[in-house]
Protein backbone atom coordinates (compact mmCIF):
# COMPACT_ATOMS: atom_id res chain seq x y z
CA MET A 1 -7.84 -100.88 -36.41
CA PRO A 2 -9.49 -97.63 -37.36
CA SER A 3 -6.53 -95.39 -36.33
CA ARG A 4 -2.92 -95.67 -35.01
CA ARG A 5 -4.24 -94.27 -31.67
CA ARG A 6 -6.71 -97.20 -31.28
CA GLU A 7 -4.02 -99.59 -32.46
CA ALA A 8 -1.73 -98.46 -29.65
CA ASN A 9 -4.06 -99.92 -26.99
CA PRO A 10 -3.87 -103.61 -27.84
CA GLN A 11 -0.26 -103.34 -28.92
CA GLY A 12 0.61 -101.80 -25.57
CA ALA A 13 -1.34 -104.42 -23.69
CA LEU A 14 0.48 -107.16 -25.55
CA ALA A 15 3.97 -105.72 -25.30
CA GLY A 16 6.19 -108.23 -23.46
CA VAL A 17 3.47 -110.84 -23.25
CA PRO A 18 4.73 -114.22 -24.56
CA THR A 19 2.36 -115.53 -27.26
CA VAL A 20 2.22 -118.81 -29.12
CA MET A 21 2.20 -116.95 -32.46
CA PRO A 22 3.09 -113.37 -33.46
CA ILE A 23 0.29 -110.85 -33.29
CA ALA A 24 0.16 -108.11 -35.91
CA THR A 25 -2.35 -105.36 -36.35
CA ASP A 26 -3.24 -103.25 -39.46
CA LEU A 27 -5.09 -100.05 -40.15
CA HIS A 28 -8.39 -100.00 -42.03
CA ASP A 29 -7.28 -97.43 -44.62
CA GLU A 30 -4.06 -99.13 -45.63
CA HIS A 31 -3.65 -101.98 -48.18
CA PRO A 32 -3.12 -105.26 -46.26
CA ALA A 33 -0.24 -106.34 -48.64
CA GLY A 34 1.64 -103.10 -48.15
CA PRO A 35 3.79 -101.92 -45.22
CA ALA A 36 0.85 -101.65 -42.89
CA TRP A 37 1.48 -104.26 -40.25
CA GLY A 38 2.67 -103.57 -36.76
CA LEU A 39 3.93 -106.40 -34.55
CA ALA A 40 2.92 -106.29 -30.92
CA SER A 41 6.27 -107.87 -29.95
CA ASP A 42 8.34 -105.38 -31.99
CA PRO A 43 6.70 -101.98 -32.49
CA GLY A 44 9.43 -100.73 -34.75
CA PRO A 45 8.80 -100.03 -38.43
CA ARG A 46 5.69 -101.26 -40.08
CA ARG A 47 6.07 -104.37 -42.19
CA TRP A 48 4.85 -105.70 -45.52
CA LEU A 49 2.62 -108.79 -45.33
CA HIS A 50 5.39 -110.97 -46.66
CA GLU A 51 7.74 -109.73 -43.88
CA LEU A 52 5.59 -110.93 -41.05
CA PRO A 53 7.07 -113.85 -39.02
CA SER A 54 5.62 -117.23 -39.97
CA ASP A 55 6.07 -120.84 -39.19
CA HIS A 56 5.82 -122.98 -42.23
CA GLY A 57 4.98 -126.04 -40.36
CA PRO A 58 6.63 -129.41 -39.86
CA HIS A 59 8.64 -131.12 -42.59
CA HIS A 60 6.03 -133.87 -42.77
CA THR A 61 4.25 -133.35 -46.11
CA ALA A 62 1.12 -135.22 -44.95
CA THR A 63 0.35 -132.30 -42.60
CA ASN A 64 1.59 -129.57 -44.95
CA PRO A 65 1.63 -130.84 -48.56
CA HIS A 66 2.38 -127.38 -50.07
CA ARG A 67 5.42 -126.63 -47.96
CA TYR A 68 8.16 -125.09 -50.03
CA THR A 69 11.43 -126.79 -49.18
CA GLY A 70 13.71 -125.09 -51.69
CA ASP A 71 14.56 -128.40 -53.38
CA SER A 72 15.49 -128.22 -57.01
CA ASP A 73 12.94 -130.85 -58.10
CA ILE A 74 10.44 -128.24 -59.06
CA SER A 75 9.86 -128.37 -62.84
């Protein structure tokens, strides 16, 4: 979004609307990896890119071969 004022419109429209996946917005002048992301479902503090909610997919490696499982078999 170009400004926080413009960002407020879609975030306000999406507040309380159930979505299949989280929706986050960012501002044009902020670095996308920094604390620039606002969640429509939780308009609290801005989040870093790595703090955004995510679904790492099913455990089936055929559909997600790069899934990190935390197993100690990594050399």
